[in-house]
């Protein structure tokens, strides 16, 4: 059996439907800070260490979303049996 689900949403609508926060201002502030540090030539400037806390949180969110989707699919297949 093959199931296709098509959702026509803007990124903003999807973000709101998933209950995700609006991070546009945060991203702008972060990019401004990174640009300033690059222009100032800060010693030991390492973009990865600056982004590391945010990257790990993002991967945790993706993992949680994937688990939710698998639970929904498993629940659906159990009901069909």
PDB file of N, CA and C in Angstrom:
ATOM      1  N   UNK A   1       0.842  -1.161   0.000  1.00  0.00           N
ATOM      2  CA  UNK A   1       0.000   0.000   0.000  1.00  0.00           C
ATOM      3  C   UNK A   1       0.897   1.238   0.000  1.00  0.00           C
ATOM      4  N   UNK A   2       0.480   2.210  -0.740  1.00  0.00           N
ATOM      5  CA  UNK A   2       1.232   3.450  -0.823  1.00  0.00           C
ATOM      6  C   UNK A   2       0.294   4.593  -0.459  1.00  0.00           C
ATOM      7  N   UNK A   3       0.751   5.448   0.452  1.00  0.00           N
ATOM      8  CA  UNK A   3      -0.049   6.578   0.902  1.00  0.00           C
ATOM      9  C   UNK A   3       0.716   7.860   0.610  1.00  0.00           C
ATOM     10  N   UNK A   4       0.075   8.775  -0.075  1.00  0.00           N
ATOM     11  CA  UNK A   4       0.674  10.090  -0.354  1.00  0.00           C
ATOM     12  C   UNK A   4      -0.169  11.153   0.328  1.00  0.00           C
ATOM     13  N   UNK A   5       0.501  12.031   1.028  1.00  0.00           N
ATOM     14  CA  UNK A   5      -0.172  13.155   1.665  1.00  0.00           C
ATOM     15  C   UNK A   5       0.456  14.427   1.124  1.00  0.00           C
ATOM     16  N   UNK A   6      -0.376  15.291   0.594  1.00  0.00           N
ATOM     17  CA  UNK A   6       0.119  16.551   0.050  1.00  0.00           C
ATOM     18  C   UNK A   6      -0.490  17.688   0.857  1.00  0.00           C
ATOM     19  N   UNK A   7       0.366  18.555   1.358  1.00  0.00           N
ATOM     20  CA  UNK A   7      -0.075  19.677   2.169  1.00  0.00           C
ATOM     21  C   UNK A   7       0.391  20.958   1.481  1.00  0.00           C
ATOM     22  N   UNK A   8      -0.531  21.845   1.233  1.00  0.00           N
ATOM     23  CA  UNK A   8      -0.205  23.107   0.579  1.00  0.00           C
ATOM     24  C   UNK A   8      -0.183  24.207   1.644  1.00  0.00           C
ATOM     25  N   UNK A   9       1.016  24.490   2.152  1.00  0.00           N
ATOM     26  CA  UNK A   9       1.191  25.485   3.219  1.00  0.00           C
ATOM     27  C   UNK A   9       2.409  26.332   2.919  1.00  0.00           C
ATOM     28  N   UNK A  10       2.355  27.551   3.394  1.00  0.00           N
ATOM     29  CA  UNK A  10       3.553  28.382   3.343  1.00  0.00           C
ATOM     30  C   UNK A  10       4.460  27.951   4.490  1.00  0.00           C
ATOM     31  N   UNK A  11       5.733  28.282   4.445  1.00  0.00           N
ATOM     32  CA  UNK A  11       6.609  27.945   5.573  1.00  0.00           C
ATOM     33  C   UNK A  11       6.104  28.534   6.892  1.00  0.00           C
ATOM     34  N   UNK A  12       5.554  29.730   6.830  1.00  0.00           N
ATOM     35  CA  UNK A  12       5.022  30.374   8.034  1.00  0.00           C
ATOM     36  C   UNK A  12       3.840  29.583   8.598  1.00  0.00           C
ATOM     37  N   UNK A  13       2.935  29.136   7.730  1.00  0.00           N
ATOM     38  CA  UNK A  13       1.791  28.342   8.173  1.00  0.00           C
ATOM     39  C   UNK A  13       2.234  27.007   8.761  1.00  0.00           C
ATOM     40  N   UNK A  14       3.227  26.379   8.132  1.00  0.00           N
ATOM     41  CA  UNK A  14       3.747  25.108   8.633  1.00  0.00           C
ATOM     42  C   UNK A  14       4.373  25.291  10.004  1.00  0.00           C
ATOM     43  N   UNK A  15       5.162  26.356  10.159  1.00  0.00           N
ATOM     44  CA  UNK A  15       5.809  26.630  11.448  1.00  0.00           C
ATOM     45  C   UNK A  15       4.762  26.779  12.539  1.00  0.00           C
ATOM     46  N   UNK A  16       3.714  27.537  12.263  1.00  0.00           N
ATOM     47  CA  UNK A  16       2.661  27.742  13.255  1.00  0.00           C
ATOM     48  C   UNK A  16       1.913  26.443  13.552  1.00  0.00           C
ATOM     49  N   UNK A  17       1.620  25.648  12.511  1.00  0.00           N
ATOM     50  CA  UNK A  17       0.898  24.385  12.697  1.00  0.00           C
ATOM     51  C   UNK A  17       1.707  23.407  13.553  1.00  0.00           C
ATOM     52  N   UNK A  18       3.019  23.438  13.415  1.00  0.00           N
ATOM     53  CA  UNK A  18       3.873  22.537  14.193  1.00  0.00           C
ATOM     54  C   UNK A  18       4.176  23.095  15.582  1.00  0.00           C
ATOM     55  N   UNK A  19       3.755  24.330  15.841  1.00  0.00           N
ATOM     56  CA  UNK A  19       3.993  24.943  17.143  1.00  0.00           C
ATOM     57  C   UNK A  19       5.432  25.394  17.335  1.00  0.00           C
ATOM     58  N   UNK A  20       6.128  25.636  16.233  1.00  0.00           N
ATOM     59  CA  UNK A  20       7.526  26.067  16.311  1.00  0.00           C
ATOM     60  C   UNK A  20       7.603  27.581  16.501  1.00  0.00           C
ATOM     61  N   UNK A  21       8.611  28.053  17.220  1.00  0.00           N
ATOM     62  CA  UNK A  21       8.735  29.493  17.459  1.00  0.00           C
ATOM     63  C   UNK A  21       9.213  30.235  16.215  1.00  0.00           C
ATOM     64  N   UNK A  22       8.900  31.509  16.152  1.00  0.00           N
ATOM     65  CA  UNK A  22       9.379  32.368  15.075  1.00  0.00           C
ATOM     66  C   UNK A  22      10.790  32.824  15.447  1.00  0.00           C
ATOM     67  N   UNK A  23      11.783  32.373  14.691  1.00  0.00           N
ATOM     68  CA  UNK A  23      13.175  32.653  15.037  1.00  0.00           C
ATOM     69  C   UNK A  23      13.835  33.641  14.075  1.00  0.00           C
ATOM     70  N   UNK A  24      13.046  34.327  13.281  1.00  0.00           N
ATOM     71  CA  UNK A  24      13.613  35.240  12.282  1.00  0.00           C
ATOM     72  C   UNK A  24      14.451  36.337  12.939  1.00  0.00           C
ATOM     73  N   UNK A  25      13.926  36.971  13.987  1.00  0.00           N
ATOM     74  CA  UNK A  25      14.687  38.046  14.650  1.00  0.00           C
ATOM     75  C   UNK A  25      15.955  37.494  15.293  1.00  0.00           C
ATOM     76  N   UNK A  26      15.862  36.302  15.873  1.00  0.00           N
ATOM     77  CA  UNK A  26      17.032  35.666  16.473  1.00  0.00           C
ATOM     78  C   UNK A  26      18.094  35.408  15.414  1.00  0.00           C
ATOM     79  N   UNK A  27      17.686  34.891  14.248  1.00  0.00           N
ATOM     80  CA  UNK A  27      18.636  34.618  13.179  1.00  0.00           C
ATOM     81  C   UNK A  27      19.309  35.903  12.696  1.00  0.00           C
ATOM     82  N   UNK A  28      18.534  36.965  12.571  1.00  0.00           N
ATOM     83  CA  UNK A  28      19.108  38.246  12.138  1.00  0.00           C
ATOM     84  C   UNK A  28      20.125  38.747  13.153  1.00  0.00           C
ATOM     85  N   UNK A  29      19.785  38.642  14.444  1.00  0.00           N
ATOM     86  CA  UNK A  29      20.704  39.074  15.499  1.00  0.00           C
ATOM     87  C   UNK A  29      21.965  38.227  15.505  1.00  0.00           C
ATOM     88  N   UNK A  30      21.810  36.926  15.337  1.00  0.00           N
ATOM     89  CA  UNK A  30      22.959  36.025  15.323  1.00  0.00           C
ATOM     90  C   UNK A  30      23.877  36.339  14.149  1.00  0.00           C
ATOM     91  N   UNK A  31      23.301  36.557  12.967  1.00  0.00           N
ATOM     92  CA  UNK A  31      24.118  36.879  11.802  1.00  0.00           C
ATOM     93  C   UNK A  31      24.835  38.214  11.971  1.00  0.00           C
ATOM     94  N   UNK A  32      24.192  39.191  12.599  1.00  0.00           N
ATOM     95  CA  UNK A  32      24.828  40.479  12.866  1.00  0.00           C
ATOM     96  C   UNK A  32      26.026  40.284  13.794  1.00  0.00           C
ATOM     97  N   UNK A  33      25.843  39.470  14.829  1.00  0.00           N
ATOM     98  CA  UNK A  33      26.930  39.212  15.782  1.00  0.00           C
ATOM     99  C   UNK A  33      28.092  38.483  15.105  1.00  0.00           C
ATOM    100  N   UNK A  34      27.783  37.505  14.279  1.00  0.00           N
ATOM    101  CA  UNK A  34      28.835  36.768  13.563  1.00  0.00           C
ATOM    102  C   UNK A  34      29.596  37.709  12.640  1.00  0.00           C
ATOM    103  N   UNK A  35      28.862  38.546  11.918  1.00  0.00           N
ATOM    104  CA  UNK A  35      29.504  39.499  10.998  1.00  0.00           C
ATOM    105  C   UNK A  35      30.430  40.452  11.751  1.00  0.00           C
ATOM    106  N   UNK A  36      29.978  40.950  12.913  1.00  0.00           N
ATOM    107  CA  UNK A  36      30.806  41.861  13.703  1.00  0.00           C
ATOM    108  C   UNK A  36      32.087  41.173  14.155  1.00  0.00           C
ATOM    109  N   UNK A  37      31.963  39.943  14.627  1.00  0.00           N
ATOM    110  CA  UNK A  37      33.146  39.222  15.091  1.00  0.00           C
ATOM    111  C   UNK A  37      34.109  38.947  13.946  1.00  0.00           C
ATOM    112  N   UNK A  38      33.574  38.637  12.784  1.00  0.00           N
ATOM    113  CA  UNK A  38      34.449  38.396  11.627  1.00  0.00           C
ATOM    114  C   UNK A  38      35.162  39.670  11.217  1.00  0.00           C
ATOM    115  N   UNK A  39      34.427  40.792  11.220  1.00  0.00           N
ATOM    116  CA  UNK A  39      35.031  42.061  10.828  1.00  0.00           C
ATOM    117  C   UNK A  39      36.071  42.524  11.837  1.00  0.00           C
ATOM    118  N   UNK A  40      35.827  42.246  13.114  1.00  0.00           N
ATOM    119  CA  UNK A  40      36.771  42.651  14.158  1.00  0.00           C
ATOM    120  C   UNK A  40      37.965  41.711  14.244  1.00  0.00           C
ATOM    121  N   UNK A  41      37.875  40.561  13.584  1.00  0.00           N
ATOM    122  CA  UNK A  41      38.975  39.600  13.625  1.00  0.00           C
ATOM    123  C   UNK A  41      39.197  39.050  15.016  1.00  0.00           C
ATOM    124  N   UNK A  42      38.136  38.708  15.696  1.00  0.00           N
ATOM    125  CA  UNK A  42      38.226  38.191  17.065  1.00  0.00           C
ATOM    126  C   UNK A  42      39.131  36.971  17.090  1.00  0.00           C
ATOM    127  N   UNK A  43      40.084  36.957  18.032  1.00  0.00           N
ATOM    128  CA  UNK A  43      40.986  35.815  18.175  1.00  0.00           C
ATOM    129  C   UNK A  43      40.205  34.577  18.566  1.00  0.00           C
ATOM    130  N   UNK A  44      40.510  33.469  17.906  1.00  0.00           N
ATOM    131  CA  UNK A  44      39.851  32.214  18.221  1.00  0.00           C
ATOM    132  C   UNK A  44      38.414  32.144  17.751  1.00  0.00           C
ATOM    133  N   UNK A  45      38.050  32.996  16.827  1.00  0.00           N
ATOM    134  CA  UNK A  45      36.675  32.972  16.320  1.00  0.00           C
ATOM    135  C   UNK A  45      36.429  31.634  15.629  1.00  0.00           C
ATOM    136  N   UNK A  46      35.426  30.924  16.100  1.00  0.00           N
ATOM    137  CA  UNK A  46      35.095  29.623  15.550  1.00  0.00           C
ATOM    138  C   UNK A  46      33.583  29.549  15.342  1.00  0.00           C
ATOM    139  N   UNK A  47      33.105  29.645  14.102  1.00  0.00           N
ATOM    140  CA  UNK A  47      31.665  29.633  13.850  1.00  0.00           C
ATOM    141  C   UNK A  47      30.982  28.374  14.391  1.00  0.00           C
ATOM    142  N   UNK A  48      31.658  27.237  14.331  1.00  0.00           N
ATOM    143  CA  UNK A  48      31.042  25.997  14.812  1.00  0.00           C
ATOM    144  C   UNK A  48      30.760  26.059  16.306  1.00  0.00           C
ATOM    145  N   UNK A  49      31.694  26.596  17.087  1.00  0.00           N
ATOM    146  CA  UNK A  49      31.462  26.676  18.531  1.00  0.00           C
ATOM    147  C   UNK A  49      30.350  27.679  18.846  1.00  0.00           C
ATOM    148  N   UNK A  50      30.198  28.698  18.015  1.00  0.00           N
ATOM    149  CA  UNK A  50      29.131  29.677  18.209  1.00  0.00           C
ATOM    150  C   UNK A  50      27.759  29.054  17.923  1.00  0.00           C
ATOM    151  N   UNK A  51      27.701  28.198  16.919  1.00  0.00           N
ATOM    152  CA  UNK A  51      26.433  27.605  16.502  1.00  0.00           C
ATOM    153  C   UNK A  51      26.124  26.273  17.191  1.00  0.00           C
ATOM    154  N   UNK A  52      27.098  25.667  17.838  1.00  0.00           N
ATOM    155  CA  UNK A  52      26.937  24.321  18.392  1.00  0.00           C
ATOM    156  C   UNK A  52      25.701  24.143  19.282  1.00  0.00           C
ATOM    157  N   UNK A  53      25.407  25.046  20.225  1.00  0.00           N
ATOM    158  CA  UNK A  53      24.225  24.838  21.056  1.00  0.00           C
ATOM    159  C   UNK A  53      22.926  24.815  20.247  1.00  0.00           C
ATOM    160  N   UNK A  54      22.867  25.609  19.202  1.00  0.00           N
ATOM    161  CA  UNK A  54      21.645  25.688  18.402  1.00  0.00           C
ATOM    162  C   UNK A  54      21.509  24.499  17.471  1.00  0.00           C
ATOM    163  N   UNK A  55      22.634  24.009  16.973  1.00  0.00           N
ATOM    164  CA  UNK A  55      22.606  22.851  16.073  1.00  0.00           C
ATOM    165  C   UNK A  55      22.129  21.618  16.826  1.00  0.00           C
ATOM    166  N   UNK A  56      22.653  21.384  18.021  1.00  0.00           N
ATOM    167  CA  UNK A  56      22.256  20.188  18.771  1.00  0.00           C
ATOM    168  C   UNK A  56      20.779  20.245  19.133  1.00  0.00           C
ATOM    169  N   UNK A  57      20.251  21.412  19.467  1.00  0.00           N
ATOM    170  CA  UNK A  57      18.829  21.537  19.781  1.00  0.00           C
ATOM    171  C   UNK A  57      17.983  21.266  18.539  1.00  0.00           C
ATOM    172  N   UNK A  58      18.446  21.701  17.388  1.00  0.00           N
ATOM    173  CA  UNK A  58      17.695  21.484  16.154  1.00  0.00           C
ATOM    174  C   UNK A  58      17.597  20.001  15.835  1.00  0.00           C
ATOM    175  N   UNK A  59      18.710  19.271  16.018  1.00  0.00           N
ATOM    176  CA  UNK A  59      18.694  17.844  15.742  1.00  0.00           C
ATOM    177  C   UNK A  59      17.783  17.113  16.717  1.00  0.00           C
ATOM    178  N   UNK A  60      17.726  17.571  17.966  1.00  0.00           N
ATOM    179  CA  UNK A  60      16.814  16.969  18.936  1.00  0.00           C
ATOM    180  C   UNK A  60      15.371  17.177  18.497  1.00  0.00           C
ATOM    181  N   UNK A  61      15.063  18.341  17.971  1.00  0.00           N
ATOM    182  CA  UNK A  61      13.699  18.635  17.507  1.00  0.00           C
ATOM    183  C   UNK A  61      13.329  17.752  16.324  1.00  0.00           C
ATOM    184  N   UNK A  62      14.261  17.571  15.408  1.00  0.00           N
ATOM    185  CA  UNK A  62      14.007  16.721  14.243  1.00  0.00           C
ATOM    186  C   UNK A  62      13.775  15.282  14.698  1.00  0.00           C
ATOM    187  N   UNK A  63      14.570  14.810  15.635  1.00  0.00           N
ATOM    188  CA  UNK A  63      14.423  13.458  16.160  1.00  0.00           C
ATOM    189  C   UNK A  63      13.050  13.276  16.805  1.00  0.00           C
ATOM    190  N   UNK A  64      12.619  14.239  17.584  1.00  0.00           N
ATOM    191  CA  UNK A  64      11.308  14.185  18.225  1.00  0.00           C
ATOM    192  C   UNK A  64      10.196  14.149  17.174  1.00  0.00           C
ATOM    193  N   UNK A  65      10.316  14.948  16.138  1.00  0.00           N
ATOM    194  CA  UNK A  65       9.319  14.981  15.063  1.00  0.00           C
ATOM    195  C   UNK A  65       9.257  13.629  14.355  1.00  0.00           C
ATOM    196  N   UNK A  66      10.425  13.042  14.065  1.00  0.00           N
ATOM    197  CA  UNK A  66      10.459  11.747  13.399  1.00  0.00           C
ATOM    198  C   UNK A  66       9.804  10.667  14.259  1.00  0.00           C
ATOM    199  N   UNK A  67      10.058  10.693  15.553  1.00  0.00           N
ATOM    200  CA  UNK A  67       9.437   9.717  16.453  1.00  0.00           C
ATOM    201  C   UNK A  67       7.923   9.884  16.469  1.00  0.00           C
ATOM    202  N   UNK A  68       7.455  11.113  16.471  1.00  0.00           N
ATOM    203  CA  UNK A  68       6.020  11.385  16.448  1.00  0.00           C
ATOM    204  C   UNK A  68       5.389  10.820  15.181  1.00  0.00           C
ATOM    205  N   UNK A  69       6.017  11.061  14.032  1.00  0.00           N
ATOM    206  CA  UNK A  69       5.490  10.560  12.774  1.00  0.00           C
ATOM    207  C   UNK A  69       5.472   9.024  12.747  1.00  0.00           C
ATOM    208  N   UNK A  70       6.513   8.385  13.268  1.00  0.00           N
ATOM    209  CA  UNK A  70       6.557   6.924  13.305  1.00  0.00           C
ATOM    210  C   UNK A  70       5.473   6.379  14.225  1.00  0.00           C
ATOM    211  N   UNK A  71       5.228   7.023  15.342  1.00  0.00           N
ATOM    212  CA  UNK A  71       4.167   6.582  16.236  1.00  0.00           C
ATOM    213  C   UNK A  71       2.804   6.682  15.562  1.00  0.00           C
ATOM    214  N   UNK A  72       2.593   7.756  14.820  1.00  0.00           N
ATOM    215  CA  UNK A  72       1.319   7.924  14.114  1.00  0.00           C
ATOM    216  C   UNK A  72       1.153   6.839  13.052  1.00  0.00           C
ATOM    217  N   UNK A  73       2.210   6.560  12.294  1.00  0.00           N
ATOM    218  CA  UNK A  73       2.135   5.527  11.262  1.00  0.00           C
ATOM    219  C   UNK A  73       1.919   4.154  11.877  1.00  0.00           C
ATOM    220  N   UNK A  74       2.625   3.855  12.951  1.00  0.00           N
ATOM    221  CA  UNK A  74       2.459   2.565  13.623  1.00  0.00           C
ATOM    222  C   UNK A  74       1.054   2.419  14.171  1.00  0.00           C
ATOM    223  N   UNK A  75       0.531   3.475  14.733  1.00  0.00           N
ATOM    224  CA  UNK A  75      -0.829   3.457  15.258  1.00  0.00           C
ATOM    225  C   UNK A  75      -1.825   3.201  14.136  1.00  0.00           C
ATOM    226  N   UNK A  76      -1.616   3.832  13.003  1.00  0.00           N
ATOM    227  CA  UNK A  76      -2.496   3.667  11.864  1.00  0.00           C
ATOM    228  C   UNK A  76      -2.450   2.222  11.352  1.00  0.00           C
ATOM    229  N   UNK A  77      -1.249   1.656  11.205  1.00  0.00           N
ATOM    230  CA  UNK A  77      -1.130   0.284  10.695  1.00  0.00           C
ATOM    231  C   UNK A  77      -1.714  -0.721  11.677  1.00  0.00           C
ATOM    232  N   UNK A  78      -1.613  -0.463  12.975  1.00  0.00           N
ATOM    233  CA  UNK A  78      -2.201  -1.365  13.966  1.00  0.00           C
ATOM    234  C   UNK A  78      -3.727  -1.348  13.867  1.00  0.00           C
ATOM    235  N   UNK A  79      -4.308  -0.209  13.573  1.00  0.00           N
ATOM    236  CA  UNK A  79      -5.761  -0.088  13.454  1.00  0.00           C
ATOM    237  C   UNK A  79      -6.275  -0.784  12.191  1.00  0.00           C
ATOM    238  N   UNK A  80      -5.447  -0.838  11.171  1.00  0.00           N
ATOM    239  CA  UNK A  80      -5.853  -1.440   9.896  1.00  0.00           C
ATOM    240  C   UNK A  80      -5.840  -2.968   9.944  1.00  0.00           C
ATOM    241  N   UNK A  81      -5.170  -3.538  10.929  1.00  0.00           N
ATOM    242  CA  UNK A  81      -5.078  -5.007  11.009  1.00  0.00           C
ATOM    243  C   UNK A  81      -6.306  -5.616  11.589  1.00  0.00           C
TER     244      UNK A  81
END
